[in-house]
Structures are given as structure tokens and as C-alpha cells.
Amino acid sequence: MNWAKLVIGILLLIPSSWTINSKMNAAIDVAAESYANGEYEQSLQNHLALQEQFGIQSSELDFDLGLSSQNSEKLEEASGFYDKASISPDAVLASFAFNQGGVLLGNKKEYEVALSKFKTALIKDPLNEVARHNYELLARWLKRDEERKNQEQNQPEPSEFAKRKKAEADRLVEQFRFKDALNLMTDALEQDPTVAAYQEFITHLQEVTEINEK
């Protein structure tokens, strides 16, 4: 999939409720620092320690564990943490968790489910511009992809005449005679509708010709 990358740039969440004593505060600082330094494996371990050593159980921590897991390429674990964070009563946090889950699904090419995640992220928080960007980006790409598939399905089988003209146009392209190739294919299309099987090639020739003439 050649669409622009989905946005994931989310900062760690550190709610004030975590800061109970100096030892815990130090552990929180260490976890945040390891993430900020790009030490994601260590960040994951440090955030897990907040659960295991200090008994912290919160949607914020689940989200942070998701980020650390995602950046450590532990994607299944990340997905699980985001799912837990997405049920948070904090609509903003839940929105970001749904967005991150959508990013993971999009990267796995599960596009329709990813789109649903982004949509839910926007329902949770209509001001989540990261989720809005991802939703609109993926929705546009899916629409174009569907249109492309429909065009391919509706393309006629090229006749022998059409195949000959395409071969002639290919030879012209090899000589960088793009406009001549375009004219040849355009004239051939007027004579034989099955030349439309090469519509993508013709469109490419039109684009190249327009660039060359600027």
C-alpha cells in the first residue's frame, strides 16, 4: 500500500494519580525517560515494572505499554494493551487508543477494520485530529482502490489490433517519443473500443506528455 504513513506520534501519559511516593515517582521518571530516549524495549520493561512492583492498574499505563510494545515491534502485545485502554472512561484517552489500534490494523492491511477503529476514535473525541487525518487518508485510499478494481473488472479484452498498437506504442516509449505514443493509442481507441484495456497506459502517457510540454 503506497499511501502516506498513518500518524502515530503520541506522547506518554503520566496522570497525577500515579505520583504517590518518591520511589514510585522515580520509577515513573525512569520509564518516561527510557521512552523519550527511544529505548523502547527498556521502556516496556520499565512500564511493566510499574504494574508488577507498584500495582498500578490504569488505562493510561495500558496505553503507555501499548506505545512501548508498538515501538518494540511487539505488535500483538501492543494491540492488546490498546484494546484495554480503549475502554477507558476518559474519552480522549479511549480515542487515542482506538487510533493506535487502527494504525496497527492498517499496517497489517486489515483496512476496513482499521477504518472502523479510526471512525470510533472520532466518535469518542471529534477533536482528535490525528484520528481524523488517518480516517480521511485511509477512506480516500480505499475509495480509489475500489474504483481501480472496478475499472480493471470492466476493461474489455484487447483485440489483436489493440495488442499490436500497444506494442507499437511501447517501442515509441522506448525512444522517449511519448506524445507520438499517446497519439497512436488515442487514434487506435477511436478505431477499436477494446484499446480501452490499456487505459491506465494511455493515462500515464497523457501525464508524461503534459509534464514534458510545461
N, C-alpha and C. Protein backbone atom coordinates (compact mmCIF):
# COMPACT_ATOMS: atom_id res chain seq x y z
N MET A 1 0.85 -1.19 0.00
CA MET A 1 0.00 0.00 0.00
C MET A 1 0.89 1.24 0.00
N ASN A 2 0.71 2.11 -0.98
CA ASN A 2 1.61 3.25 -1.15
C ASN A 2 1.03 4.56 -0.66
N TRP A 3 0.11 4.51 0.28
CA TRP A 3 -0.44 5.75 0.81
C TRP A 3 0.50 6.29 1.86
N ALA A 4 0.33 7.57 2.18
CA ALA A 4 1.18 8.20 3.18
C ALA A 4 1.03 7.49 4.52
N LYS A 5 2.06 7.57 5.33
CA LYS A 5 2.06 6.85 6.59
C LYS A 5 1.00 7.38 7.55
N LEU A 6 0.41 6.45 8.27
CA LEU A 6 -0.53 6.83 9.31
C LEU A 6 0.22 7.52 10.43
N VAL A 7 -0.44 8.45 11.08
CA VAL A 7 0.19 9.22 12.14
C VAL A 7 0.11 8.46 13.46
N ILE A 8 1.26 8.35 14.17
CA ILE A 8 1.24 7.66 15.45
C ILE A 8 1.91 8.47 16.56
N GLY A 9 2.40 9.68 16.25
CA GLY A 9 3.23 10.42 17.20
C GLY A 9 2.53 10.83 18.47
N ILE A 10 2.37 9.92 19.41
CA ILE A 10 1.66 10.19 20.66
C ILE A 10 2.64 10.13 21.82
N LEU A 11 2.52 11.07 22.76
CA LEU A 11 3.37 11.10 23.94
C LEU A 11 2.82 10.19 25.03
N LEU A 12 3.71 9.79 25.91
CA LEU A 12 3.29 9.01 27.05
C LEU A 12 2.36 9.81 27.95
N LEU A 13 1.48 9.10 28.64
CA LEU A 13 0.55 9.74 29.57
C LEU A 13 1.00 9.47 31.00
N ILE A 14 1.12 10.52 31.79
CA ILE A 14 1.54 10.36 33.18
C ILE A 14 0.54 11.11 34.07
N PRO A 15 -0.53 10.45 34.50
CA PRO A 15 -1.52 11.12 35.34
C PRO A 15 -0.99 11.39 36.74
N SER A 16 -1.51 12.41 37.34
CA SER A 16 -1.04 12.81 38.67
C SER A 16 -1.32 11.73 39.71
N SER A 17 -2.31 10.88 39.45
CA SER A 17 -2.66 9.84 40.42
C SER A 17 -1.57 8.80 40.59
N TRP A 18 -0.62 8.76 39.63
CA TRP A 18 0.47 7.81 39.77
C TRP A 18 1.48 8.25 40.83
N THR A 19 1.61 9.52 41.04
CA THR A 19 2.68 10.04 41.89
C THR A 19 2.27 9.98 43.36
N ILE A 20 2.59 8.84 43.98
CA ILE A 20 2.17 8.62 45.36
C ILE A 20 3.36 8.73 46.33
N ASN A 21 4.50 8.17 45.97
CA ASN A 21 5.66 8.26 46.84
C ASN A 21 6.91 8.45 46.01
N SER A 22 7.99 8.78 46.66
CA SER A 22 9.21 9.13 45.94
C SER A 22 9.77 7.95 45.15
N LYS A 23 9.66 6.74 45.68
CA LYS A 23 10.19 5.57 44.98
C LYS A 23 9.40 5.33 43.70
N MET A 24 8.08 5.45 43.81
CA MET A 24 7.25 5.27 42.61
C MET A 24 7.52 6.40 41.62
N ASN A 25 7.65 7.61 42.12
CA ASN A 25 7.93 8.74 41.24
C ASN A 25 9.20 8.51 40.44
N ALA A 26 10.22 7.99 41.11
CA ALA A 26 11.49 7.72 40.44
C ALA A 26 11.31 6.67 39.35
N ALA A 27 10.50 5.63 39.63
CA ALA A 27 10.26 4.58 38.64
C ALA A 27 9.50 5.13 37.44
N ILE A 28 8.55 6.02 37.72
CA ILE A 28 7.80 6.65 36.64
C ILE A 28 8.73 7.49 35.77
N ASP A 29 9.61 8.24 36.40
CA ASP A 29 10.55 9.07 35.65
C ASP A 29 11.47 8.22 34.78
N VAL A 30 11.93 7.10 35.34
CA VAL A 30 12.81 6.20 34.59
C VAL A 30 12.07 5.64 33.37
N ALA A 31 10.83 5.24 33.54
CA ALA A 31 10.04 4.69 32.44
C ALA A 31 9.83 5.73 31.34
N ALA A 32 9.47 6.94 31.76
CA ALA A 32 9.25 8.01 30.78
C ALA A 32 10.54 8.37 30.06
N GLU A 33 11.66 8.40 30.79
CA GLU A 33 12.93 8.77 30.19
C GLU A 33 13.39 7.74 29.17
N SER A 34 13.22 6.47 29.49
CA SER A 34 13.64 5.42 28.55
C SER A 34 12.83 5.51 27.25
N TYR A 35 11.54 5.85 27.35
CA TYR A 35 10.73 6.01 26.14
C TYR A 35 11.19 7.23 25.35
N ALA A 36 11.42 8.33 26.05
CA ALA A 36 11.84 9.57 25.38
C ALA A 36 13.17 9.39 24.67
N ASN A 37 14.03 8.52 25.21
CA ASN A 37 15.34 8.28 24.60
C ASN A 37 15.29 7.24 23.49
N GLY A 38 14.09 6.74 23.19
CA GLY A 38 13.97 5.74 22.13
C GLY A 38 14.40 4.35 22.55
N GLU A 39 14.53 4.12 23.85
CA GLU A 39 14.92 2.81 24.37
C GLU A 39 13.63 2.02 24.65
N TYR A 40 12.97 1.59 23.59
CA TYR A 40 11.61 1.08 23.71
C TYR A 40 11.52 -0.26 24.42
N GLU A 41 12.49 -1.14 24.20
CA GLU A 41 12.50 -2.40 24.93
C GLU A 41 12.60 -2.15 26.42
N GLN A 42 13.52 -1.26 26.79
CA GLN A 42 13.70 -0.92 28.20
C GLN A 42 12.47 -0.20 28.74
N SER A 43 11.89 0.66 27.91
CA SER A 43 10.68 1.36 28.31
C SER A 43 9.56 0.38 28.62
N LEU A 44 9.44 -0.65 27.79
CA LEU A 44 8.40 -1.66 28.02
C LEU A 44 8.62 -2.33 29.37
N GLN A 45 9.85 -2.72 29.65
CA GLN A 45 10.15 -3.37 30.92
C GLN A 45 9.91 -2.42 32.09
N ASN A 46 10.29 -1.17 31.92
CA ASN A 46 10.11 -0.19 32.99
C ASN A 46 8.63 0.06 33.29
N HIS A 47 7.82 0.08 32.22
CA HIS A 47 6.39 0.30 32.44
C HIS A 47 5.72 -0.95 33.02
N LEU A 48 6.19 -2.11 32.62
CA LEU A 48 5.66 -3.34 33.23
C LEU A 48 5.99 -3.37 34.72
N ALA A 49 7.16 -2.84 35.07
CA ALA A 49 7.56 -2.80 36.48
C ALA A 49 6.60 -1.95 37.31
N LEU A 50 6.02 -0.93 36.68
CA LEU A 50 5.06 -0.10 37.40
C LEU A 50 3.84 -0.92 37.81
N GLN A 51 3.48 -1.89 36.97
CA GLN A 51 2.38 -2.79 37.31
C GLN A 51 2.81 -3.80 38.37
N GLU A 52 3.94 -4.44 38.11
CA GLU A 52 4.35 -5.56 38.94
C GLU A 52 4.86 -5.14 40.32
N GLN A 53 5.62 -4.04 40.37
CA GLN A 53 6.23 -3.65 41.64
C GLN A 53 5.37 -2.68 42.45
N PHE A 54 4.58 -1.86 41.74
CA PHE A 54 3.81 -0.85 42.44
C PHE A 54 2.29 -1.05 42.33
N GLY A 55 1.90 -2.08 41.57
CA GLY A 55 0.48 -2.41 41.48
C GLY A 55 -0.36 -1.41 40.74
N ILE A 56 0.26 -0.59 39.91
CA ILE A 56 -0.51 0.40 39.14
C ILE A 56 -1.33 -0.32 38.08
N GLN A 57 -2.61 -0.08 38.08
CA GLN A 57 -3.51 -0.61 37.06
C GLN A 57 -4.33 0.57 36.54
N SER A 58 -4.08 0.98 35.33
CA SER A 58 -4.83 2.12 34.79
C SER A 58 -4.82 2.07 33.28
N SER A 59 -5.80 2.75 32.70
CA SER A 59 -5.87 2.83 31.24
C SER A 59 -4.68 3.59 30.68
N GLU A 60 -4.22 4.58 31.44
CA GLU A 60 -3.05 5.35 30.99
C GLU A 60 -1.82 4.46 30.86
N LEU A 61 -1.63 3.61 31.85
CA LEU A 61 -0.49 2.70 31.79
C LEU A 61 -0.65 1.69 30.66
N ASP A 62 -1.86 1.20 30.46
CA ASP A 62 -2.10 0.30 29.34
C ASP A 62 -1.73 0.97 28.02
N PHE A 63 -2.10 2.24 27.89
CA PHE A 63 -1.78 2.97 26.66
C PHE A 63 -0.27 3.11 26.50
N ASP A 64 0.42 3.46 27.58
CA ASP A 64 1.87 3.61 27.51
C ASP A 64 2.55 2.28 27.19
N LEU A 65 2.03 1.20 27.74
CA LEU A 65 2.56 -0.13 27.42
C LEU A 65 2.33 -0.44 25.95
N GLY A 66 1.19 0.00 25.43
CA GLY A 66 0.92 -0.19 24.00
C GLY A 66 1.94 0.53 23.14
N LEU A 67 2.24 1.78 23.50
CA LEU A 67 3.23 2.55 22.74
C LEU A 67 4.60 1.90 22.77
N SER A 68 5.03 1.49 23.96
CA SER A 68 6.34 0.87 24.09
C SER A 68 6.39 -0.45 23.33
N SER A 69 5.32 -1.23 23.40
CA SER A 69 5.26 -2.50 22.68
C SER A 69 5.27 -2.28 21.17
N GLN A 70 4.50 -1.30 20.73
CA GLN A 70 4.44 -1.00 19.30
C GLN A 70 5.80 -0.59 18.76
N ASN A 71 6.49 0.26 19.48
CA ASN A 71 7.80 0.71 19.03
C ASN A 71 8.88 -0.34 19.20
N SER A 72 8.57 -1.38 19.97
CA SER A 72 9.49 -2.51 20.12
C SER A 72 9.16 -3.62 19.14
N GLU A 73 8.21 -3.35 18.22
CA GLU A 73 7.77 -4.33 17.21
C GLU A 73 7.07 -5.53 17.84
N LYS A 74 6.55 -5.38 19.04
CA LYS A 74 5.74 -6.43 19.66
C LYS A 74 4.28 -6.04 19.42
N LEU A 75 3.83 -6.27 18.21
CA LEU A 75 2.58 -5.68 17.75
C LEU A 75 1.34 -6.35 18.34
N GLU A 76 1.39 -7.66 18.54
CA GLU A 76 0.24 -8.33 19.14
C GLU A 76 0.02 -7.85 20.57
N GLU A 77 1.14 -7.73 21.30
CA GLU A 77 1.04 -7.22 22.66
C GLU A 77 0.51 -5.79 22.67
N ALA A 78 1.01 -4.99 21.73
CA ALA A 78 0.56 -3.60 21.65
C ALA A 78 -0.94 -3.53 21.40
N SER A 79 -1.43 -4.37 20.51
CA SER A 79 -2.86 -4.37 20.19
C SER A 79 -3.69 -4.69 21.43
N GLY A 80 -3.23 -5.64 22.22
CA GLY A 80 -3.94 -5.99 23.44
C GLY A 80 -3.98 -4.85 24.44
N PHE A 81 -2.86 -4.16 24.60
CA PHE A 81 -2.82 -3.02 25.52
C PHE A 81 -3.73 -1.89 25.05
N TYR A 82 -3.74 -1.63 23.73
CA TYR A 82 -4.62 -0.57 23.22
C TYR A 82 -6.09 -0.94 23.40
N ASP A 83 -6.41 -2.22 23.24
CA ASP A 83 -7.80 -2.65 23.44
C ASP A 83 -8.22 -2.38 24.89
N LYS A 84 -7.32 -2.65 25.83
CA LYS A 84 -7.64 -2.40 27.24
C LYS A 84 -7.80 -0.89 27.49
N ALA A 85 -6.93 -0.10 26.89
CA ALA A 85 -7.00 1.35 27.10
C ALA A 85 -8.24 1.96 26.44
N SER A 86 -8.74 1.30 25.39
CA SER A 86 -9.87 1.88 24.64
C SER A 86 -11.18 1.85 25.43
N ILE A 87 -11.24 1.09 26.52
CA ILE A 87 -12.47 1.07 27.32
C ILE A 87 -12.40 2.09 28.46
N SER A 88 -11.39 2.94 28.43
CA SER A 88 -11.25 3.96 29.46
C SER A 88 -12.46 4.90 29.46
N PRO A 89 -12.91 5.32 30.65
CA PRO A 89 -13.99 6.33 30.70
C PRO A 89 -13.51 7.70 30.22
N ASP A 90 -12.21 7.87 30.12
CA ASP A 90 -11.65 9.11 29.57
C ASP A 90 -11.77 9.04 28.05
N ALA A 91 -12.67 9.82 27.49
CA ALA A 91 -12.96 9.74 26.05
C ALA A 91 -11.74 10.08 25.20
N VAL A 92 -10.93 11.03 25.64
CA VAL A 92 -9.74 11.41 24.87
C VAL A 92 -8.75 10.26 24.82
N LEU A 93 -8.50 9.64 25.97
CA LEU A 93 -7.59 8.51 26.02
C LEU A 93 -8.11 7.35 25.19
N ALA A 94 -9.41 7.04 25.33
CA ALA A 94 -10.00 5.96 24.54
C ALA A 94 -9.87 6.24 23.05
N SER A 95 -10.05 7.50 22.67
CA SER A 95 -9.94 7.89 21.26
C SER A 95 -8.54 7.61 20.72
N PHE A 96 -7.52 7.99 21.49
CA PHE A 96 -6.15 7.74 21.03
C PHE A 96 -5.85 6.25 21.00
N ALA A 97 -6.41 5.48 21.92
CA ALA A 97 -6.20 4.04 21.91
C ALA A 97 -6.82 3.40 20.68
N PHE A 98 -8.04 3.84 20.32
CA PHE A 98 -8.67 3.33 19.09
C PHE A 98 -7.84 3.71 17.87
N ASN A 99 -7.31 4.93 17.87
CA ASN A 99 -6.49 5.36 16.73
C ASN A 99 -5.26 4.46 16.58
N GLN A 100 -4.57 4.22 17.70
CA GLN A 100 -3.36 3.39 17.63
C GLN A 100 -3.70 1.97 17.19
N GLY A 101 -4.82 1.45 17.67
CA GLY A 101 -5.24 0.13 17.22
C GLY A 101 -5.50 0.12 15.72
N GLY A 102 -6.06 1.21 15.21
CA GLY A 102 -6.29 1.32 13.77
C GLY A 102 -5.00 1.35 12.98
N VAL A 103 -3.99 2.03 13.52
CA VAL A 103 -2.69 2.07 12.86
C VAL A 103 -2.12 0.66 12.72
N LEU A 104 -2.20 -0.12 13.79
CA LEU A 104 -1.68 -1.49 13.74
C LEU A 104 -2.43 -2.32 12.70
N LEU A 105 -3.75 -2.19 12.65
CA LEU A 105 -4.54 -2.94 11.69
C LEU A 105 -4.26 -2.49 10.26
N GLY A 106 -4.09 -1.17 10.07
CA GLY A 106 -3.77 -0.66 8.75
C GLY A 106 -2.45 -1.21 8.23
N ASN A 107 -1.47 -1.29 9.13
CA ASN A 107 -0.17 -1.82 8.73
C ASN A 107 -0.23 -3.31 8.44
N LYS A 108 -1.25 -3.99 8.96
CA LYS A 108 -1.46 -5.41 8.67
C LYS A 108 -2.35 -5.59 7.43
N LYS A 109 -2.71 -4.50 6.79
CA LYS A 109 -3.56 -4.48 5.60
C LYS A 109 -4.99 -4.91 5.90
N GLU A 110 -5.41 -4.80 7.15
CA GLU A 110 -6.81 -5.05 7.50
C GLU A 110 -7.53 -3.70 7.47
N TYR A 111 -7.69 -3.19 6.26
CA TYR A 111 -8.06 -1.80 6.06
C TYR A 111 -9.47 -1.45 6.54
N GLU A 112 -10.43 -2.30 6.28
CA GLU A 112 -11.81 -1.97 6.67
C GLU A 112 -11.94 -1.91 8.19
N VAL A 113 -11.30 -2.85 8.87
CA VAL A 113 -11.36 -2.85 10.34
C VAL A 113 -10.61 -1.64 10.89
N ALA A 114 -9.49 -1.31 10.25
CA ALA A 114 -8.72 -0.13 10.67
C ALA A 114 -9.56 1.13 10.51
N LEU A 115 -10.30 1.23 9.39
CA LEU A 115 -11.15 2.40 9.16
C LEU A 115 -12.21 2.51 10.26
N SER A 116 -12.75 1.37 10.67
CA SER A 116 -13.75 1.37 11.73
C SER A 116 -13.14 1.86 13.05
N LYS A 117 -11.90 1.49 13.32
CA LYS A 117 -11.21 1.94 14.53
C LYS A 117 -11.05 3.47 14.51
N PHE A 118 -10.62 3.99 13.36
CA PHE A 118 -10.44 5.45 13.26
C PHE A 118 -11.77 6.17 13.42
N LYS A 119 -12.83 5.59 12.86
CA LYS A 119 -14.15 6.20 12.99
C LYS A 119 -14.59 6.24 14.46
N THR A 120 -14.35 5.13 15.16
CA THR A 120 -14.71 5.08 16.58
C THR A 120 -13.88 6.09 17.38
N ALA A 121 -12.62 6.24 17.00
CA ALA A 121 -11.76 7.23 17.67
C ALA A 121 -12.36 8.62 17.54
N LEU A 122 -12.91 8.93 16.37
CA LEU A 122 -13.52 10.24 16.16
C LEU A 122 -14.84 10.39 16.89
N ILE A 123 -15.58 9.29 17.02
CA ILE A 123 -16.82 9.34 17.79
C ILE A 123 -16.51 9.63 19.25
N LYS A 124 -15.45 8.98 19.75
CA LYS A 124 -15.05 9.21 21.14
C LYS A 124 -14.60 10.65 21.35
N ASP A 125 -13.83 11.16 20.42
CA ASP A 125 -13.30 12.53 20.55
C ASP A 125 -13.24 13.18 19.17
N PRO A 126 -14.26 13.94 18.79
CA PRO A 126 -14.28 14.59 17.48
C PRO A 126 -13.12 15.55 17.24
N LEU A 127 -12.42 15.93 18.28
CA LEU A 127 -11.29 16.86 18.15
C LEU A 127 -9.96 16.14 17.96
N ASN A 128 -9.98 14.83 17.86
CA ASN A 128 -8.76 14.06 17.67
C ASN A 128 -8.31 14.19 16.21
N GLU A 129 -7.45 15.17 15.94
CA GLU A 129 -7.03 15.44 14.56
C GLU A 129 -6.14 14.34 14.00
N VAL A 130 -5.43 13.63 14.86
CA VAL A 130 -4.61 12.50 14.40
C VAL A 130 -5.52 11.42 13.82
N ALA A 131 -6.57 11.08 14.56
CA ALA A 131 -7.51 10.07 14.07
C ALA A 131 -8.25 10.56 12.82
N ARG A 132 -8.58 11.85 12.77
CA ARG A 132 -9.26 12.40 11.60
C ARG A 132 -8.38 12.28 10.35
N HIS A 133 -7.10 12.63 10.52
CA HIS A 133 -6.16 12.50 9.41
C HIS A 133 -6.11 11.06 8.91
N ASN A 134 -5.98 10.12 9.84
CA ASN A 134 -5.87 8.71 9.46
C ASN A 134 -7.16 8.20 8.81
N TYR A 135 -8.31 8.62 9.35
CA TYR A 135 -9.59 8.18 8.78
C TYR A 135 -9.75 8.69 7.35
N GLU A 136 -9.51 9.98 7.15
CA GLU A 136 -9.69 10.57 5.82
C GLU A 136 -8.68 10.00 4.83
N LEU A 137 -7.46 9.80 5.28
CA LEU A 137 -6.42 9.25 4.41
C LEU A 137 -6.78 7.85 3.94
N LEU A 138 -7.17 7.00 4.88
CA LEU A 138 -7.49 5.62 4.54
C LEU A 138 -8.79 5.54 3.74
N ALA A 139 -9.78 6.35 4.09
CA ALA A 139 -11.05 6.33 3.36
C ALA A 139 -10.84 6.71 1.90
N ARG A 140 -10.03 7.73 1.66
CA ARG A 140 -9.75 8.15 0.27
C ARG A 140 -9.01 7.05 -0.48
N TRP A 141 -8.05 6.44 0.19
CA TRP A 141 -7.27 5.39 -0.48
C TRP A 141 -8.16 4.20 -0.84
N LEU A 142 -9.04 3.81 0.09
CA LEU A 142 -9.93 2.68 -0.18
C LEU A 142 -10.88 2.99 -1.33
N LYS A 143 -11.35 4.22 -1.39
CA LYS A 143 -12.25 4.61 -2.48
C LYS A 143 -11.53 4.53 -3.82
N ARG A 144 -10.31 5.06 -3.87
CA ARG A 144 -9.55 5.00 -5.13
C ARG A 144 -9.23 3.55 -5.50
N ASP A 145 -8.91 2.74 -4.50
CA ASP A 145 -8.58 1.34 -4.77
C ASP A 145 -9.79 0.61 -5.33
N GLU A 146 -10.98 0.89 -4.77
CA GLU A 146 -12.20 0.26 -5.26
C GLU A 146 -12.50 0.70 -6.69
N GLU A 147 -12.30 1.98 -6.97
CA GLU A 147 -12.53 2.47 -8.34
C GLU A 147 -11.57 1.80 -9.31
N ARG A 148 -10.32 1.63 -8.89
CA ARG A 148 -9.33 0.98 -9.76
C ARG A 148 -9.72 -0.46 -10.04
N LYS A 149 -10.19 -1.17 -9.01
CA LYS A 149 -10.60 -2.57 -9.20
C LYS A 149 -11.79 -2.66 -10.13
N ASN A 150 -12.73 -1.73 -9.99
CA ASN A 150 -13.91 -1.73 -10.87
C ASN A 150 -13.52 -1.48 -12.31
N GLN A 151 -12.56 -0.56 -12.51
CA GLN A 151 -12.09 -0.29 -13.86
C GLN A 151 -11.43 -1.52 -14.47
N GLU A 152 -10.65 -2.21 -13.67
CA GLU A 152 -9.96 -3.40 -14.17
C GLU A 152 -10.97 -4.49 -14.53
N GLN A 153 -12.02 -4.63 -13.71
CA GLN A 153 -13.02 -5.66 -13.98
C GLN A 153 -13.84 -5.35 -15.23
N ASN A 154 -14.03 -4.05 -15.48
CA ASN A 154 -14.86 -3.64 -16.62
C ASN A 154 -14.07 -3.44 -17.91
N GLN A 155 -12.77 -3.63 -17.83
CA GLN A 155 -11.97 -3.43 -19.04
C GLN A 155 -12.22 -4.57 -20.04
N PRO A 156 -12.34 -4.22 -21.31
CA PRO A 156 -12.57 -5.26 -22.32
C PRO A 156 -11.30 -6.05 -22.62
N GLU A 157 -11.47 -7.21 -23.18
CA GLU A 157 -10.31 -8.00 -23.63
C GLU A 157 -9.78 -7.35 -24.90
N PRO A 158 -8.48 -6.98 -24.93
CA PRO A 158 -7.95 -6.30 -26.11
C PRO A 158 -7.92 -7.21 -27.34
N SER A 159 -8.30 -6.65 -28.47
CA SER A 159 -8.26 -7.39 -29.73
C SER A 159 -6.81 -7.50 -30.20
N GLU A 160 -6.60 -8.26 -31.25
CA GLU A 160 -5.25 -8.37 -31.82
C GLU A 160 -4.77 -7.01 -32.32
N PHE A 161 -5.72 -6.23 -32.88
CA PHE A 161 -5.39 -4.88 -33.33
C PHE A 161 -4.90 -4.04 -32.15
N ALA A 162 -5.63 -4.12 -31.03
CA ALA A 162 -5.27 -3.35 -29.85
C ALA A 162 -3.89 -3.76 -29.33
N LYS A 163 -3.62 -5.05 -29.34
CA LYS A 163 -2.32 -5.54 -28.87
C LYS A 163 -1.18 -5.05 -29.75
N ARG A 164 -1.43 -5.02 -31.06
CA ARG A 164 -0.39 -4.53 -31.99
C ARG A 164 -0.10 -3.06 -31.73
N LYS A 165 -1.17 -2.28 -31.53
CA LYS A 165 -0.98 -0.84 -31.30
C LYS A 165 -0.26 -0.59 -29.97
N LYS A 166 -0.56 -1.40 -28.98
CA LYS A 166 0.13 -1.26 -27.70
C LYS A 166 1.62 -1.57 -27.88
N ALA A 167 1.94 -2.58 -28.64
CA ALA A 167 3.33 -2.94 -28.88
C ALA A 167 4.05 -1.81 -29.62
N GLU A 168 3.36 -1.20 -30.59
CA GLU A 168 3.95 -0.08 -31.32
C GLU A 168 4.20 1.10 -30.38
N ALA A 169 3.23 1.36 -29.51
CA ALA A 169 3.37 2.46 -28.56
C ALA A 169 4.51 2.20 -27.58
N ASP A 170 4.69 0.96 -27.18
CA ASP A 170 5.80 0.60 -26.29
C ASP A 170 7.14 0.91 -26.95
N ARG A 171 7.24 0.64 -28.22
CA ARG A 171 8.51 0.93 -28.94
C ARG A 171 8.76 2.43 -28.99
N LEU A 172 7.68 3.21 -29.17
CA LEU A 172 7.82 4.67 -29.18
C LEU A 172 8.26 5.19 -27.81
N VAL A 173 7.72 4.59 -26.77
CA VAL A 173 8.10 4.98 -25.41
C VAL A 173 9.57 4.69 -25.17
N GLU A 174 10.06 3.56 -25.67
CA GLU A 174 11.47 3.23 -25.53
C GLU A 174 12.38 4.28 -26.18
N GLN A 175 11.81 4.99 -27.18
CA GLN A 175 12.55 6.08 -27.85
C GLN A 175 12.22 7.44 -27.25
N PHE A 176 11.50 7.43 -26.11
CA PHE A 176 11.09 8.65 -25.42
C PHE A 176 10.17 9.52 -26.28
N ARG A 177 9.45 8.89 -27.21
CA ARG A 177 8.50 9.62 -28.06
C ARG A 177 7.10 9.46 -27.44
N PHE A 178 6.93 10.05 -26.29
CA PHE A 178 5.71 9.85 -25.52
C PHE A 178 4.48 10.44 -26.21
N LYS A 179 4.64 11.62 -26.79
CA LYS A 179 3.49 12.24 -27.45
C LYS A 179 3.05 11.42 -28.65
N ASP A 180 4.02 10.91 -29.41
CA ASP A 180 3.68 10.07 -30.56
C ASP A 180 2.97 8.79 -30.10
N ALA A 181 3.42 8.25 -28.99
CA ALA A 181 2.78 7.04 -28.45
C ALA A 181 1.35 7.35 -28.01
N LEU A 182 1.17 8.52 -27.40
CA LEU A 182 -0.16 8.92 -26.97
C LEU A 182 -1.09 9.10 -28.17
N ASN A 183 -0.61 9.77 -29.20
CA ASN A 183 -1.42 9.98 -30.40
C ASN A 183 -1.80 8.65 -31.04
N LEU A 184 -0.84 7.74 -31.05
CA LEU A 184 -1.10 6.43 -31.65
C LEU A 184 -2.20 5.70 -30.89
N MET A 185 -2.12 5.70 -29.57
CA MET A 185 -3.11 4.99 -28.76
C MET A 185 -4.47 5.68 -28.81
N THR A 186 -4.47 7.01 -28.87
CA THR A 186 -5.73 7.75 -28.96
C THR A 186 -6.44 7.46 -30.28
N ASP A 187 -5.68 7.46 -31.37
CA ASP A 187 -6.26 7.13 -32.67
C ASP A 187 -6.76 5.69 -32.70
N ALA A 188 -5.99 4.80 -32.09
CA ALA A 188 -6.39 3.39 -32.08
C ALA A 188 -7.68 3.19 -31.29
N LEU A 189 -7.84 3.94 -30.21
CA LEU A 189 -9.04 3.84 -29.39
C LEU A 189 -10.28 4.26 -30.16
N GLU A 190 -10.13 5.25 -31.02
CA GLU A 190 -11.25 5.69 -31.84
C GLU A 190 -11.66 4.62 -32.84
N GLN A 191 -10.69 3.79 -33.25
CA GLN A 191 -10.97 2.73 -34.23
C GLN A 191 -11.46 1.44 -33.57
N ASP A 192 -10.99 1.21 -32.32
CA ASP A 192 -11.29 -0.06 -31.68
C ASP A 192 -11.51 0.17 -30.18
N PRO A 193 -12.73 0.00 -29.69
CA PRO A 193 -13.02 0.26 -28.27
C PRO A 193 -12.23 -0.62 -27.30
N THR A 194 -11.75 -1.78 -27.78
CA THR A 194 -11.03 -2.67 -26.86
C THR A 194 -9.65 -2.13 -26.50
N VAL A 195 -9.21 -1.08 -27.18
CA VAL A 195 -7.95 -0.43 -26.80
C VAL A 195 -8.09 0.17 -25.39
N ALA A 196 -9.32 0.34 -24.93
CA ALA A 196 -9.55 0.84 -23.57
C ALA A 196 -8.99 -0.08 -22.51
N ALA A 197 -8.65 -1.30 -22.88
CA ALA A 197 -8.00 -2.21 -21.93
C ALA A 197 -6.67 -1.63 -21.46
N TYR A 198 -6.12 -0.70 -22.23
CA TYR A 198 -4.83 -0.08 -21.90
C TYR A 198 -5.03 1.36 -21.42
N GLN A 199 -6.19 1.62 -20.80
CA GLN A 199 -6.50 2.99 -20.39
C GLN A 199 -5.48 3.52 -19.38
N GLU A 200 -5.01 2.70 -18.47
CA GLU A 200 -4.02 3.16 -17.50
C GLU A 200 -2.73 3.59 -18.19
N PHE A 201 -2.34 2.84 -19.21
CA PHE A 201 -1.15 3.17 -20.00
C PHE A 201 -1.36 4.50 -20.73
N ILE A 202 -2.56 4.67 -21.29
CA ILE A 202 -2.87 5.91 -22.01
C ILE A 202 -2.85 7.10 -21.06
N THR A 203 -3.43 6.91 -19.87
CA THR A 203 -3.44 7.99 -18.87
C THR A 203 -2.03 8.37 -18.48
N HIS A 204 -1.17 7.38 -18.32
CA HIS A 204 0.23 7.64 -17.98
C HIS A 204 0.91 8.44 -19.09
N LEU A 205 0.64 8.09 -20.33
CA LEU A 205 1.21 8.83 -21.46
C LEU A 205 0.74 10.27 -21.45
N GLN A 206 -0.54 10.48 -21.12
CA GLN A 206 -1.08 11.84 -21.06
C GLN A 206 -0.35 12.64 -19.98
N GLU A 207 -0.12 12.05 -18.83
CA GLU A 207 0.55 12.75 -17.73
C GLU A 207 1.98 13.11 -18.11
N VAL A 208 2.69 12.16 -18.71
CA VAL A 208 4.09 12.40 -19.11
C VAL A 208 4.15 13.50 -20.17
N THR A 209 3.22 13.44 -21.12
CA THR A 209 3.20 14.44 -22.20
C THR A 209 2.94 15.83 -21.64
N GLU A 210 2.01 15.93 -20.70
CA GLU A 210 1.71 17.23 -20.10
C GLU A 210 2.91 17.79 -19.36
N ILE A 211 3.64 16.93 -18.67
CA ILE A 211 4.84 17.37 -17.96
C ILE A 211 5.90 17.85 -18.93
N ASN A 212 6.09 17.11 -20.01
CA ASN A 212 7.12 17.47 -20.99
C ASN A 212 6.81 18.77 -21.70
N GLU A 213 5.52 19.10 -21.81
CA GLU A 213 5.14 20.29 -22.55
C GLU A 213 5.12 21.55 -21.68
N LYS A 214 5.35 21.39 -20.37
CA LYS A 214 5.34 22.55 -19.48
C LYS A 214 6.64 23.34 -19.63
